[in-house]
Amino acid sequence: MKWDRIEGNWKQFRGKVRERWGKLTDSDLDVINGKREQLAGRIQEAYGKTKETAEREIDEFCSKCVKPEDR
């Protein structure tokens, strides 16, 4: 999956990110601004997860949100 699709369309994906990780605030989403590393860090902080777990969750999220032809 190409993360640049999500990063480039961050405003459209914000809602989906918020649905998936409800503990993230609007301020968190502003700081993340489509950056994968920022998202992983905020997930780790908010949920007490390891970096590997956060990355895995992001991968799963991406596979569900992005159409196969966009990967």
Protein backbone atom coordinates (compact mmCIF):
# COMPACT_ATOMS: atom_id res chain seq x y z
CA MET A 1 0.00 0.00 0.00
CA LYS A 2 1.24 3.42 -0.78
CA TRP A 3 1.01 5.56 2.32
CA ASP A 4 1.40 8.64 0.11
CA ARG A 5 -2.23 8.10 -0.97
CA ILE A 6 -3.40 8.57 2.60
CA GLU A 7 -0.94 11.37 3.28
CA GLY A 8 -2.02 13.21 0.14
CA ASN A 9 -5.70 12.85 1.04
CA TRP A 10 -5.35 13.28 4.79
CA LYS A 11 -8.45 15.43 5.17
CA GLN A 12 -10.55 12.63 3.67
CA PHE A 13 -8.92 9.92 5.81
CA ARG A 14 -9.03 11.82 9.12
CA GLY A 15 -12.55 10.60 9.85
CA LYS A 16 -11.63 6.99 9.19
CA VAL A 17 -8.56 7.31 11.40
CA ARG A 18 -10.71 8.81 14.13
CA GLU A 19 -13.22 5.95 13.83
CA ARG A 20 -10.44 3.37 14.11
CA TRP A 21 -8.50 5.06 16.91
CA GLY A 22 -11.13 7.01 18.83
CA LYS A 23 -8.76 8.13 21.57
CA LEU A 24 -6.94 10.35 19.10
CA THR A 25 -8.07 13.95 19.36
CA ASP A 26 -8.54 16.52 16.63
CA SER A 27 -5.30 18.09 17.88
CA ASP A 28 -3.54 14.74 17.44
CA LEU A 29 -4.87 14.49 13.91
CA ASP A 30 -3.67 18.02 13.16
CA VAL A 31 -0.17 17.14 14.38
CA ILE A 32 -0.16 13.83 12.49
CA ASN A 33 -1.15 15.60 9.26
CA GLY A 34 -0.85 12.40 7.24
CA LYS A 35 2.58 11.40 8.53
CA ARG A 36 2.72 7.67 9.22
CA GLU A 37 5.43 7.91 11.90
CA GLN A 38 3.42 10.55 13.74
CA LEU A 39 0.33 8.36 13.62
CA ALA A 40 2.25 5.37 14.96
CA GLY A 41 3.66 7.48 17.80
CA ARG A 42 0.28 8.87 18.77
CA ILE A 43 -1.25 5.38 18.74
CA GLN A 44 1.56 4.16 21.00
CA GLU A 45 0.98 7.02 23.44
CA ALA A 46 -2.80 6.87 23.48
CA TYR A 47 -3.15 3.10 23.69
CA GLY A 48 0.10 1.99 25.33
CA LYS A 49 1.04 -0.19 22.37
CA THR A 50 4.44 -1.16 21.06
CA LYS A 51 5.76 0.38 17.87
CA GLU A 52 5.42 -2.97 16.10
CA THR A 53 1.77 -3.32 17.15
CA ALA A 54 0.98 0.24 16.07
CA GLU A 55 2.64 -0.35 12.70
CA ARG A 56 0.70 -3.59 12.21
CA GLU A 57 -2.57 -1.84 13.00
CA ILE A 58 -1.74 0.91 10.51
CA ASP A 59 -0.98 -1.70 7.84
CA GLU A 60 -4.33 -3.37 8.50
CA PHE A 61 -6.07 0.00 8.39
CA CYS A 62 -4.42 0.81 5.06
CA SER A 63 -5.41 -2.48 3.50
CA LYS A 64 -9.05 -1.83 4.39
CA CYS A 65 -9.14 1.83 3.37
CA VAL A 66 -7.28 1.87 0.09
CA LYS A 67 -8.64 0.26 -3.06
CA PRO A 68 -6.54 -2.60 -4.45
CA GLU A 69 -5.64 -0.63 -7.57
CA ASP A 70 -4.19 2.15 -5.38
CA ARG A 71 -1.77 -0.14 -3.53
